[in-house]
Amino acid sequence: MKEHNSPVALGDVAGEHALTLESLLIFLLVGAIAGWLAGLIVKGRGLGLVGNIVIGIVGAFLAGWLLPQLGLYIGGGLVGAILNAMIGAIILLVIIMAIRKT
């Protein structure tokens, strides 16, 4: 049986990386901060806690796919993750606003 460094591990299957409670909280925090910042930049206000988290997380996935396609690399660490997610969230909000106007 494989031992974990963390007492809470979710989804550890056949040696894959486990999603710990700590990493889940960081994931949600990065999404919330990125969504909040993107909401301030695009709309002039935040989108509420749940809206910020959703926009930030979807934006992080969007930026994780799009930025390497464009040859852009922001950096690593927590600040890099927030910046990447914020860029993706801004792009996502602009797309949503364009769709709503049509």
Protein backbone atom coordinates (compact mmCIF):
# COMPACT_ATOMS: atom_id res chain seq x y z
CA MET A 1 0.00 0.00 0.00
CA LYS A 2 1.35 3.40 -0.99
CA GLU A 3 1.79 5.97 1.76
CA HIS A 4 0.85 9.61 1.24
CA ASN A 5 2.59 12.67 2.61
CA SER A 6 -0.78 14.26 3.23
CA PRO A 7 -3.54 12.83 5.42
CA VAL A 8 -6.20 13.64 2.79
CA ALA A 9 -5.64 12.38 -0.75
CA LEU A 10 -8.30 12.25 -3.42
CA GLY A 11 -8.09 10.24 -6.62
CA ASP A 12 -4.71 8.48 -6.25
CA VAL A 13 -4.92 5.73 -8.84
CA ALA A 14 -1.98 3.52 -9.83
CA GLY A 15 0.70 6.02 -8.87
CA GLU A 16 -0.94 9.09 -10.38
CA HIS A 17 -0.64 12.38 -8.52
CA ALA A 18 -3.12 12.72 -5.70
CA LEU A 19 -5.31 15.78 -5.34
CA THR A 20 -4.78 16.72 -1.72
CA LEU A 21 -7.07 18.94 0.27
CA GLU A 22 -4.33 21.59 0.31
CA SER A 23 -3.92 21.56 -3.48
CA LEU A 24 -7.70 21.71 -3.94
CA LEU A 25 -7.89 24.79 -1.70
CA ILE A 26 -5.02 26.45 -3.59
CA PHE A 27 -6.74 25.62 -6.89
CA LEU A 28 -9.97 27.26 -5.66
CA LEU A 29 -8.08 30.26 -4.23
CA VAL A 30 -6.20 30.86 -7.49
CA GLY A 31 -9.49 30.62 -9.41
CA ALA A 32 -11.22 33.04 -7.05
CA ILE A 33 -8.41 35.62 -7.19
CA ALA A 34 -8.02 35.36 -10.97
CA GLY A 35 -11.78 35.57 -11.55
CA TRP A 36 -12.10 38.54 -9.19
CA LEU A 37 -9.26 40.43 -10.89
CA ALA A 38 -10.63 39.64 -14.35
CA GLY A 39 -14.09 40.80 -13.26
CA LEU A 40 -12.61 44.07 -12.01
CA ILE A 41 -10.73 44.64 -15.25
CA VAL A 42 -13.48 43.67 -17.70
CA LYS A 43 -16.71 44.59 -15.94
CA GLY A 44 -15.52 47.00 -13.28
CA ARG A 45 -16.64 44.77 -10.41
CA GLY A 46 -16.33 41.20 -9.20
CA LEU A 47 -18.74 38.42 -10.10
CA GLY A 48 -19.43 37.02 -6.63
CA LEU A 49 -17.42 34.26 -4.99
CA VAL A 50 -18.79 31.33 -7.00
CA GLY A 51 -18.71 33.29 -10.27
CA ASN A 52 -15.12 34.37 -9.63
CA ILE A 53 -14.03 30.81 -8.91
CA VAL A 54 -15.76 29.38 -11.99
CA ILE A 55 -14.49 32.10 -14.35
CA GLY A 56 -10.99 31.84 -12.86
CA ILE A 57 -10.80 28.04 -13.16
CA VAL A 58 -12.20 27.96 -16.70
CA GLY A 59 -9.88 30.84 -17.56
CA ALA A 60 -6.92 28.88 -16.19
CA PHE A 61 -7.72 25.96 -18.48
CA LEU A 62 -8.23 28.33 -21.43
CA ALA A 63 -4.91 30.09 -20.80
CA GLY A 64 -3.16 26.76 -20.19
CA TRP A 65 -4.14 25.74 -23.70
CA LEU A 66 -4.00 29.08 -25.54
CA LEU A 67 -0.83 30.75 -24.24
CA PRO A 68 1.53 27.90 -25.21
CA GLN A 69 -0.10 27.86 -28.67
CA LEU A 70 0.91 31.52 -28.98
CA GLY A 71 4.41 30.84 -27.64
CA LEU A 72 3.81 32.81 -24.42
CA TYR A 73 5.09 31.69 -21.03
CA ILE A 74 4.24 33.80 -17.98
CA GLY A 75 6.14 31.88 -15.32
CA GLY A 76 5.64 29.39 -12.57
CA GLY A 77 4.64 29.44 -8.96
CA LEU A 78 1.55 30.88 -7.36
CA VAL A 79 1.88 34.33 -8.94
CA GLY A 80 2.39 32.81 -12.39
CA ALA A 81 -0.67 30.60 -11.90
CA ILE A 82 -2.78 33.60 -10.90
CA LEU A 83 -1.53 35.65 -13.88
CA ASN A 84 -2.18 32.81 -16.34
CA ALA A 85 -5.66 32.20 -14.93
CA MET A 86 -6.42 35.93 -14.95
CA ILE A 87 -5.43 36.27 -18.61
CA GLY A 88 -7.62 33.31 -19.52
CA ALA A 89 -10.49 34.68 -17.42
CA ILE A 90 -10.25 38.08 -19.12
CA ILE A 91 -10.37 36.40 -22.54
CA LEU A 92 -13.33 34.30 -21.40
CA LEU A 93 -15.24 37.33 -20.07
CA VAL A 94 -14.64 39.28 -23.29
CA ILE A 95 -15.97 36.32 -25.31
CA ILE A 96 -19.02 36.00 -23.05
CA MET A 97 -19.74 39.74 -23.32
CA ALA A 98 -19.42 39.60 -27.13
CA ILE A 99 -21.83 36.66 -27.33
CA ARG A 100 -24.39 38.38 -25.06
CA LYS A 101 -24.35 41.54 -27.22
CA THR A 102 -25.30 39.62 -30.36
